[in-house]
Amino acid sequence: MIKTDTIIWDWNGTLLNDTDICIETINELLSKRGLPLIDKAKYHETFGFPVIDYYRRIGFDFSKEPFEIPALEYIALYETKVRNCSLHSEVPEILSYFESKNYRQVILSASENQMLETMVDHFGIRTYFEQLSGLDNHFATSKTAIGNSLLKALSIKPQQACLIGDTTHDYEVAQQLGTRCILVSNGHQPLKTLKKTGCRVIEQLNELVTCL
């Protein structure tokens, strides 16, 4: 096996423990529209990419309003709450570990780029990462194009990189980029969903020490 020398981290759910905030935020939008609220089990059952399809699954009707209205409303509410989130407890230790082993570390996120920069700085972990790559809008579309740009900009060889994420979409992105992938089940999608990909799935980030 070719040795991995670069870790491509997903942000939301993988490093940032924001699932509860996401549920709280979407429930405010649902309540405003008189739609049934969701709990964590329902969130895990329905969440996925593209985000517009997830919104439809939980009751939004885009014949009544364009997707952009709740999407931007969600971001505005999320931004007021996200600083109350924490990183997953293992994050500082695992980032430090891989830095000590001379791995290159970058972030590839479906978050809007400025929000990503702000939050990584907020948690004081910016120095671990060679580059942060988010999207140029708030609508959480595919990360593949920006991932390809990241690989090219930093001359990262896909076969020597591993994408660490928490959704089936992260696995799909890794497949498209040609990188290895490991998924962690303490984020936005549950173990049973992630295992359907056939990808290596772990339950806690500290398990990565024995995976890479």
Foldseek 3Di string as FASTA:
>chain_A
DDAAQAEAEEPAFQFWACQVVLLVLVQVVCVVVVFDRDDLVVQQVQDDPPRVRSVVVRPDDCVVPNPVVVLVSSVVSSVVCRVVTDTPPCNVVLLVVSVVVNGAYEYQYQAAQVVVVVVCVVRPNVVSHPYYFYDNDRRSHARQVSVLVVCVVVVPDQDNYEYEEAAVSSVVSNVSSVHAYEYEARGRHHPVRNVVVVHHYHHDPVVVVVVD
